[in-house]
C-alpha atoms as a PDB file:
ATOM      1  CA  MET A   1       0.000   0.000   0.000  1.00  0.00           C
ATOM      2  CA  LYS A   2       1.385   3.398  -0.996  1.00  0.00           C
ATOM      3  CA  ASN A   3       2.012   5.957   1.704  1.00  0.00           C
ATOM      4  CA  PRO A   4      -0.524   8.800   1.584  1.00  0.00           C
ATOM      5  CA  ILE A   5       0.796  12.261   0.641  1.00  0.00           C
ATOM      6  CA  ARG A   6       1.057  14.347   3.750  1.00  0.00           C
ATOM      7  CA  PRO A   7      -0.539  17.811   3.560  1.00  0.00           C
ATOM      8  CA  LEU A   8       2.736  19.562   4.425  1.00  0.00           C
ATOM      9  CA  THR A   9       4.603  17.666   1.724  1.00  0.00           C
ATOM     10  CA  LEU A  10       1.908  18.567  -0.804  1.00  0.00           C
ATOM     11  CA  ILE A  11       2.121  22.257   0.117  1.00  0.00           C
ATOM     12  CA  LYS A  12       5.919  22.235  -0.232  1.00  0.00           C
ATOM     13  CA  SER A  13       5.627  20.565  -3.639  1.00  0.00           C
ATOM     14  CA  LEU A  14       3.108  23.124  -4.841  1.00  0.00           C
ATOM     15  CA  MET A  15       5.262  26.040  -3.637  1.00  0.00           C
ATOM     16  CA  LEU A  16       8.327  24.607  -5.389  1.00  0.00           C
ATOM     17  CA  GLY A  17       6.335  24.181  -8.587  1.00  0.00           C
ATOM     18  CA  LEU A  18       5.099  27.773  -8.469  1.00  0.00           C
ATOM     19  CA  LEU A  19       8.648  29.026  -7.892  1.00  0.00           C
ATOM     20  CA  VAL A  20       9.960  27.099 -10.884  1.00  0.00           C
ATOM     21  CA  LEU A  21       7.171  28.507 -13.065  1.00  0.00           C
ATOM     22  CA  ALA A  22       7.968  32.025 -11.868  1.00  0.00           C
ATOM     23  CA  LEU A  23      11.706  31.864 -12.499  1.00  0.00           C
ATOM     24  CA  PRO A  24      11.572  32.915 -16.183  1.00  0.00           C
ATOM     25  CA  GLN A  25       9.606  36.018 -15.164  1.00  0.00           C
ATOM     26  CA  MET A  26      11.954  37.097 -12.389  1.00  0.00           C
ATOM     27  CA  ALA A  27      14.677  39.642 -13.095  1.00  0.00           C
ATOM     28  CA  PHE A  28      17.868  39.158 -11.132  1.00  0.00           C
ATOM     29  CA  ALA A  29      20.157  42.112 -10.521  1.00  0.00           C
ATOM     30  CA  ASP A  30      23.547  41.849 -12.157  1.00  0.00           C
ATOM     31  CA  GLU A  31      26.721  43.610 -11.078  1.00  0.00           C
ATOM     32  CA  VAL A  32      28.049  46.153 -13.579  1.00  0.00           C
ATOM     33  CA  PRO A  33      31.159  48.361 -13.633  1.00  0.00           C
ATOM     34  CA  ALA A  34      31.281  52.139 -13.523  1.00  0.00           C
ATOM     35  CA  THR A  35      32.591  53.923 -16.618  1.00  0.00           C
ATOM     36  CA  VAL A  36      34.922  56.915 -16.651  1.00  0.00           C
ATOM     37  CA  THR A  37      33.334  59.808 -18.555  1.00  0.00           C
ATOM     38  CA  SER A  38      35.855  62.506 -17.596  1.00  0.00           C
ATOM     39  CA  VAL A  39      39.109  62.640 -15.668  1.00  0.00           C
ATOM     40  CA  LYS A  40      41.043  65.704 -14.555  1.00  0.00           C
ATOM     41  CA  GLY A  41      44.158  66.232 -12.458  1.00  0.00           C
ATOM     42  CA  ASP A  42      45.356  63.928  -9.677  1.00  0.00           C
ATOM     43  CA  VAL A  43      43.085  60.846  -9.645  1.00  0.00           C
ATOM     44  CA  ASN A  44      44.155  57.471  -8.270  1.00  0.00           C
ATOM     45  CA  VAL A  45      42.185  54.211  -8.452  1.00  0.00           C
ATOM     46  CA  THR A  46      43.132  51.040  -6.588  1.00  0.00           C
ATOM     47  CA  ASP A  47      41.596  47.567  -6.620  1.00  0.00           C
ATOM     48  CA  PRO A  48      40.485  45.776  -3.419  1.00  0.00           C
ATOM     49  CA  SER A  49      44.016  44.422  -2.896  1.00  0.00           C
ATOM     50  CA  GLY A  50      45.456  47.949  -3.019  1.00  0.00           C
ATOM     51  CA  GLN A  51      47.033  47.600  -6.459  1.00  0.00           C
ATOM     52  CA  PRO A  52      46.909  50.753  -8.627  1.00  0.00           C
ATOM     53  CA  VAL A  53      44.618  50.775 -11.657  1.00  0.00           C
ATOM     54  CA  THR A  54      45.341  52.868 -14.749  1.00  0.00           C
ATOM     55  CA  ILE A  55      42.301  54.772 -16.007  1.00  0.00           C
ATOM     56  CA  SER A  56      41.344  57.082 -18.850  1.00  0.00           C
ATOM     57  CA  GLN A  57      38.095  58.165 -20.466  1.00  0.00           C
ATOM     58  CA  GLY A  58      36.036  55.052 -21.186  1.00  0.00           C
ATOM     59  CA  SER A  59      37.803  52.876 -18.594  1.00  0.00           C
ATOM     60  CA  LYS A  60      35.716  50.439 -16.549  1.00  0.00           C
ATOM     61  CA  ILE A  61      35.977  50.585 -12.754  1.00  0.00           C
ATOM     62  CA  PRO A  62      34.509  47.498 -11.063  1.00  0.00           C
ATOM     63  CA  VAL A  63      32.744  47.257  -7.734  1.00  0.00           C
ATOM     64  CA  GLY A  64      35.199  47.168  -4.844  1.00  0.00           C
ATOM     65  CA  ASP A  65      37.667  49.666  -6.291  1.00  0.00           C
ATOM     66  CA  THR A  66      38.631  52.840  -4.423  1.00  0.00           C
ATOM     67  CA  VAL A  67      38.934  56.311  -5.964  1.00  0.00           C
ATOM     68  CA  LYS A  68      41.098  58.990  -4.369  1.00  0.00           C
ATOM     69  CA  THR A  69      41.506  62.480  -5.775  1.00  0.00           C
ATOM     70  CA  GLY A  70      44.115  65.126  -5.025  1.00  0.00           C
ATOM     71  CA  ALA A  71      43.669  68.864  -4.669  1.00  0.00           C
ATOM     72  CA  ASP A  72      43.145  69.280  -8.423  1.00  0.00           C
ATOM     73  CA  GLY A  73      41.572  65.888  -9.106  1.00  0.00           C
ATOM     74  CA  GLU A  74      38.035  65.269 -10.386  1.00  0.00           C
ATOM     75  CA  LEU A  75      36.525  62.112 -11.868  1.00  0.00           C
ATOM     76  CA  GLY A  76      33.200  61.709 -13.685  1.00  0.00           C
ATOM     77  CA  LEU A  77      31.617  58.247 -13.576  1.00  0.00           C
ATOM     78  CA  THR A  78      28.550  56.738 -15.153  1.00  0.00           C
ATOM     79  CA  LEU A  79      27.445  54.207 -12.532  1.00  0.00           C
ATOM     80  CA  THR A  80      24.494  52.468 -14.175  1.00  0.00           C
ATOM     81  CA  PRO A  81      22.248  53.555 -17.033  1.00  0.00           C
ATOM     82  CA  GLY A  82      20.526  56.666 -15.727  1.00  0.00           C
ATOM     83  CA  SER A  83      22.924  57.430 -12.876  1.00  0.00           C
ATOM     84  CA  GLY A  84      26.302  58.998 -12.397  1.00  0.00           C
ATOM     85  CA  THR A  85      28.591  60.733  -9.928  1.00  0.00           C
ATOM     86  CA  VAL A  86      31.477  63.176  -9.920  1.00  0.00           C
ATOM     87  CA  VAL A  87      34.260  62.572  -7.385  1.00  0.00           C
ATOM     88  CA  MET A  88      35.417  66.031  -6.348  1.00  0.00           C
ATOM     89  CA  PRO A  89      38.919  67.135  -5.210  1.00  0.00           C
ATOM     90  CA  ASN A  90      40.437  65.697  -2.014  1.00  0.00           C
ATOM     91  CA  SER A  91      37.980  62.807  -1.880  1.00  0.00           C
ATOM     92  CA  ASP A  92      38.141  59.141  -0.925  1.00  0.00           C
ATOM     93  CA  VAL A  93      35.293  56.871  -2.068  1.00  0.00           C
ATOM     94  CA  VAL A  94      34.732  53.144  -2.476  1.00  0.00           C
ATOM     95  CA  ILE A  95      32.337  51.795  -5.125  1.00  0.00           C
ATOM     96  CA  SER A  96      30.467  49.293  -2.952  1.00  0.00           C
ATOM     97  CA  THR A  97      27.485  48.174  -5.065  1.00  0.00           C
ATOM     98  CA  LEU A  98      26.421  48.671  -8.686  1.00  0.00           C
ATOM     99  CA  ASN A  99      23.538  46.411  -9.682  1.00  0.00           C
ATOM    100  CA  PHE A 100      21.347  46.818 -12.739  1.00  0.00           C
ATOM    101  CA  ASN A 101      18.740  44.783 -14.563  1.00  0.00           C
ATOM    102  CA  LYS A 102      15.769  45.062 -16.857  1.00  0.00           C
ATOM    103  CA  ALA A 103      12.521  43.654 -15.486  1.00  0.00           C
ATOM    104  CA  PRO A 104      10.162  41.581 -17.686  1.00  0.00           C
ATOM    105  CA  ASP A 105       8.051  44.707 -18.274  1.00  0.00           C
ATOM    106  CA  GLY A 106      11.101  46.539 -19.660  1.00  0.00           C
ATOM    107  CA  SER A 107      11.652  48.814 -16.674  1.00  0.00           C
ATOM    108  CA  ASN A 108      15.143  49.398 -15.310  1.00  0.00           C
ATOM    109  CA  ASN A 109      16.158  48.571 -11.741  1.00  0.00           C
ATOM    110  CA  ARG A 110      19.248  49.989 -10.053  1.00  0.00           C
ATOM    111  CA  THR A 111      20.925  49.523  -6.690  1.00  0.00           C
ATOM    112  CA  ILE A 112      23.884  51.817  -6.046  1.00  0.00           C
ATOM    113  CA  ARG A 113      26.056  52.108  -2.938  1.00  0.00           C
ATOM    114  CA  LEU A 114      29.003  54.475  -2.647  1.00  0.00           C
ATOM    115  CA  ASN A 115      31.066  54.698   0.535  1.00  0.00           C
ATOM    116  CA  LEU A 116      32.324  58.287   0.867  1.00  0.00           C
ATOM    117  CA  ARG A 117      35.016  58.336   3.537  1.00  0.00           C
ATOM    118  CA  ASN A 118      36.102  61.921   2.946  1.00  0.00           C
ATOM    119  CA  GLY A 119      35.520  64.717   0.447  1.00  0.00           C
ATOM    120  CA  SER A 120      32.588  65.311  -1.883  1.00  0.00           C
ATOM    121  CA  LEU A 121      30.411  63.571  -4.442  1.00  0.00           C
ATOM    122  CA  ILE A 122      27.968  65.282  -6.780  1.00  0.00           C
ATOM    123  CA  SER A 123      25.518  62.741  -8.178  1.00  0.00           C
ATOM    124  CA  THR A 124      22.478  62.442 -10.400  1.00  0.00           C
ATOM    125  CA  LEU A 125      19.795  59.812 -10.832  1.00  0.00           C
ATOM    126  CA  PHE A 126      16.792  59.578 -13.144  1.00  0.00           C
ATOM    127  CA  LYS A 127      14.073  57.349 -11.730  1.00  0.00           C
ATOM    128  CA  LYS A 128      10.998  57.476 -13.955  1.00  0.00           C
ATOM    129  CA  ASP A 129      11.959  54.407 -15.988  1.00  0.00           C
ATOM    130  CA  GLY A 130      11.927  51.957 -13.078  1.00  0.00           C
ATOM    131  CA  HIS A 131      13.012  51.364  -9.479  1.00  0.00           C
ATOM    132  CA  SER A 132      16.158  53.027  -8.169  1.00  0.00           C
ATOM    133  CA  ASP A 133      17.952  52.890  -4.830  1.00  0.00           C
ATOM    134  CA  PHE A 134      21.020  55.135  -4.664  1.00  0.00           C
ATOM    135  CA  GLN A 135      22.795  55.526  -1.320  1.00  0.00           C
ATOM    136  CA  VAL A 136      25.925  57.424  -0.350  1.00  0.00           C
ATOM    137  CA  ALA A 137      27.206  56.093   2.972  1.00  0.00           C
ATOM    138  CA  THR A 138      29.486  58.249   5.121  1.00  0.00           C
ATOM    139  CA  PRO A 139      30.929  57.893   8.648  1.00  0.00           C
ATOM    140  CA  TYR A 140      28.204  60.284   9.875  1.00  0.00           C
ATOM    141  CA  GLY A 141      25.100  59.182   8.015  1.00  0.00           C
ATOM    142  CA  VAL A 142      23.620  57.771   4.831  1.00  0.00           C
ATOM    143  CA  ALA A 143      22.119  59.956   2.085  1.00  0.00           C
ATOM    144  CA  ALA A 144      19.570  58.041  -0.008  1.00  0.00           C
ATOM    145  CA  ALA A 145      17.888  59.256  -3.194  1.00  0.00           C
ATOM    146  CA  LYS A 146      15.239  57.770  -5.441  1.00  0.00           C
ATOM    147  CA  GLY A 147      15.708  60.313  -8.220  1.00  0.00           C
ATOM    148  CA  THR A 148      17.516  63.621  -7.953  1.00  0.00           C
ATOM    149  CA  SER A 149      20.680  65.668  -8.413  1.00  0.00           C
ATOM    150  CA  TRP A 150      22.539  66.281  -5.175  1.00  0.00           C
ATOM    151  CA  GLY A 151      25.852  66.677  -3.411  1.00  0.00           C
ATOM    152  CA  VAL A 152      27.253  64.949  -0.322  1.00  0.00           C
ATOM    153  CA  THR A 153      30.297  66.283   1.513  1.00  0.00           C
ATOM    154  CA  VAL A 154      32.293  64.908   4.456  1.00  0.00           C
ATOM    155  CA  GLN A 155      34.765  67.402   5.880  1.00  0.00           C
ATOM    156  CA  GLY A 156      36.228  66.553   9.256  1.00  0.00           C
ATOM    157  CA  THR A 157      33.232  65.397  11.294  1.00  0.00           C
ATOM    158  CA  THR A 158      30.715  67.468   9.321  1.00  0.00           C
ATOM    159  CA  LEU A 159      28.279  65.877   6.874  1.00  0.00           C
ATOM    160  CA  THR A 160      26.527  68.194   4.410  1.00  0.00           C
ATOM    161  CA  VAL A 161      23.833  67.200   1.916  1.00  0.00           C
ATOM    162  CA  GLU A 162      22.749  69.668  -0.792  1.00  0.00           C
ATOM    163  CA  VAL A 163      19.808  68.898  -3.095  1.00  0.00           C
ATOM    164  CA  ALA A 164      19.389  70.606  -6.458  1.00  0.00           C
ATOM    165  CA  ASN A 165      16.186  68.752  -7.336  1.00  0.00           C
ATOM    166  CA  GLY A 166      14.242  65.764  -6.078  1.00  0.00           C
ATOM    167  CA  VAL A 167      14.328  64.464  -2.510  1.00  0.00           C
ATOM    168  CA  VAL A 168      17.111  62.931  -0.395  1.00  0.00           C
ATOM    169  CA  THR A 169      16.685  61.329   3.020  1.00  0.00           C
ATOM    170  CA  VAL A 170      19.536  61.371   5.529  1.00  0.00           C
ATOM    171  CA  SER A 171      19.667  58.561   8.091  1.00  0.00           C
ATOM    172  CA  ASN A 172      22.008  57.572  10.888  1.00  0.00           C
ATOM    173  CA  ALA A 173      23.796  54.230  11.227  1.00  0.00           C
ATOM    174  CA  ALA A 174      20.750  52.738  12.960  1.00  0.00           C
ATOM    175  CA  GLY A 175      18.523  53.632  10.012  1.00  0.00           C
ATOM    176  CA  GLN A 176      16.690  56.452  11.787  1.00  0.00           C
ATOM    177  CA  ILE A 177      15.845  59.332   9.453  1.00  0.00           C
ATOM    178  CA  LEU A 178      17.583  62.530  10.498  1.00  0.00           C
ATOM    179  CA  ALA A 179      16.195  64.748   7.751  1.00  0.00           C
ATOM    180  CA  THR A 180      14.270  64.809   4.494  1.00  0.00           C
ATOM    181  CA  VAL A 181      16.015  67.264   2.189  1.00  0.00           C
ATOM    182  CA  ARG A 182      13.946  68.578  -0.702  1.00  0.00           C
ATOM    183  CA  GLU A 183      14.674  70.626  -3.808  1.00  0.00           C
ATOM    184  CA  LYS A 184      16.954  73.650  -3.258  1.00  0.00           C
ATOM    185  CA  LYS A 185      17.573  72.719   0.370  1.00  0.00           C
ATOM    186  CA  SER A 186      20.616  71.609   2.366  1.00  0.00           C
ATOM    187  CA  PHE A 187      21.305  69.759   5.622  1.00  0.00           C
ATOM    188  CA  ASP A 188      24.293  69.415   7.912  1.00  0.00           C
ATOM    189  CA  ASN A 189      24.751  67.199  10.934  1.00  0.00           C
ATOM    190  CA  LYS A 190      26.171  69.982  13.120  1.00  0.00           C
ATOM    191  CA  THR A 191      23.069  72.171  13.135  1.00  0.00           C
ATOM    192  CA  ASN A 192      20.827  69.158  12.416  1.00  0.00           C
ATOM    193  CA  ALA A 193      18.660  71.539  10.417  1.00  0.00           C
ATOM    194  CA  VAL A 194      17.417  71.900   6.840  1.00  0.00           C
ATOM    195  CA  SER A 195      18.027  75.312   5.274  1.00  0.00           C
ATOM    196  CA  ALA A 196      17.820  77.007   1.889  1.00  0.00           C
ATOM    197  CA  LEU A 197      20.411  76.097  -0.725  1.00  0.00           C
ATOM    198  CA  SER A 198      22.128  79.151  -2.186  1.00  0.00           C
ATOM    199  CA  ASP A 199      21.799  79.937  -5.885  1.00  0.00           C
ATOM    200  CA  LYS A 200      25.580  79.641  -6.159  1.00  0.00           C
ATOM    201  CA  ALA A 201      25.586  76.122  -4.689  1.00  0.00           C
ATOM    202  CA  LEU A 202      22.677  75.088  -6.926  1.00  0.00           C
ATOM    203  CA  LYS A 203      24.479  76.321 -10.046  1.00  0.00           C
ATOM    204  CA  TYR A 204      27.693  74.589  -8.960  1.00  0.00           C
ATOM    205  CA  ILE A 205      25.968  71.205  -8.667  1.00  0.00           C
ATOM    206  CA  LEU A 206      24.270  71.462 -12.060  1.00  0.00           C
ATOM    207  CA  ASP A 207      27.354  72.840 -13.832  1.00  0.00           C
ATOM    208  CA  THR A 208      29.545  70.078 -12.396  1.00  0.00           C
ATOM    209  CA  LEU A 209      27.189  67.367 -13.602  1.00  0.00           C
ATOM    210  CA  GLN A 210      27.033  68.875 -17.079  1.00  0.00           C
ATOM    211  CA  ASP A 211      30.829  69.260 -17.312  1.00  0.00           C
ATOM    212  CA  PHE A 212      31.824  65.803 -16.037  1.00  0.00           C
ATOM    213  CA  LEU A 213      28.866  63.656 -17.114  1.00  0.00           C
ATOM    214  CA  PRO A 214      28.257  64.926 -20.653  1.00  0.00           C
ATOM    215  CA  ASN A 215      26.508  61.692 -21.632  1.00  0.00           C
ATOM    216  CA  LEU A 216      23.939  62.037 -18.859  1.00  0.00           C
ATOM    217  CA  THR A 217      21.864  64.848 -20.324  1.00  0.00           C
ATOM    218  CA  LYS A 218      18.247  64.123 -19.517  1.00  0.00           C
ATOM    219  CA  ASP A 219      16.876  63.912 -23.078  1.00  0.00           C
ATOM    220  CA  GLN A 220      19.636  61.557 -24.227  1.00  0.00           C
ATOM    221  CA  LEU A 221      19.233  59.377 -21.155  1.00  0.00           C
ATOM    222  CA  ILE A 222      15.491  58.997 -21.442  1.00  0.00           C
ATOM    223  CA  LYS A 223      15.786  58.034 -25.110  1.00  0.00           C
ATOM    224  CA  ALA A 224      18.621  55.581 -24.420  1.00  0.00           C
ATOM    225  CA  LEU A 225      16.770  53.979 -21.538  1.00  0.00           C
ATOM    226  CA  ASN A 226      13.533  53.688 -23.504  1.00  0.00           C
ATOM    227  CA  ASP A 227      15.328  52.171 -26.488  1.00  0.00           C
ATOM    228  CA  ALA A 228      17.632  49.893 -24.491  1.00  0.00           C
ATOM    229  CA  SER A 229      17.394  46.140 -24.664  1.00  0.00           C
ATOM    230  CA  ILE A 230      20.032  44.939 -22.244  1.00  0.00           C
ATOM    231  CA  ASN A 231      20.935  41.539 -20.896  1.00  0.00           C
ATOM    232  CA  PRO A 232      23.470  42.424 -18.181  1.00  0.00           C
ATOM    233  CA  SER A 233      24.469  38.778 -17.744  1.00  0.00           C
ATOM    234  CA  THR A 234      26.727  39.013 -20.794  1.00  0.00           C
ATOM    235  CA  ASN A 235      30.163  40.583 -20.491  1.00  0.00           C
ATOM    236  CA  ASP A 236      29.722  42.462 -23.760  1.00  0.00           C
ATOM    237  CA  ASN A 237      26.684  44.270 -22.469  1.00  0.00           C
ATOM    238  CA  LYS A 238      28.334  44.936 -19.130  1.00  0.00           C
ATOM    239  CA  ASN A 239      30.917  46.934 -21.069  1.00  0.00           C
ATOM    240  CA  THR A 240      28.339  48.610 -23.293  1.00  0.00           C
ATOM    241  CA  ILE A 241      25.564  49.897 -21.067  1.00  0.00           C
ATOM    242  CA  ASN A 242      27.794  52.437 -19.346  1.00  0.00           C
ATOM    243  CA  SER A 243      29.694  53.570 -22.428  1.00  0.00           C
ATOM    244  CA  PRO A 244      30.103  57.346 -22.653  1.00  0.00           C
ATOM    245  CA  ASN A 245      28.987  57.087 -26.289  1.00  0.00           C
ATOM    246  CA  ASN A 246      25.698  55.313 -25.577  1.00  0.00           C
END
């Protein structure tokens, strides 16, 4: 006599079957490299073992590498399609996470983590084509954006977040939100207050993005993202989706 199928075993079998059926529809994030769009002055890149990496415009910088700039150094990077950052002078940043995929419905999904240990980053992110999670971690808080242009600076023990457009939340190490910084506003951890962003600071952010991320103009990006058909699991496409010419 055959053993009867136990209810728990039947439920497990059904769940496994549903998972298998769902696999072709699921989009798994794939790690991609950053791409150098502009380089100026004293810029040094090292791999996780500390070995120096030679870069020029168009070079690929993988996750785990560290970028350090001198007093005259600036580096523009496309991070994923629709996102980029400019490493400003006297900065030290680690590229911690760069994940990108296209969902079955054609939307783009990004997860970006930069670890800014000192100095400044000016970043941009377009979000309307899918889900985006862009975080800049610092020793004094985490600045997270869903779609915006903004700057993050660590100088001594002071953290400053300046938002040109969009919204950025600033949280502490425990994940508690310290501030929500909206368009044309700034925040610093010393006053723990949100204040107006000066016109000069606003112009500086936008001019920096335009100068160092020339391929990230909004019209070009939206068209490229709408037209893109990317399978990030192939090495060829990993090297293509961040190309300054695409």
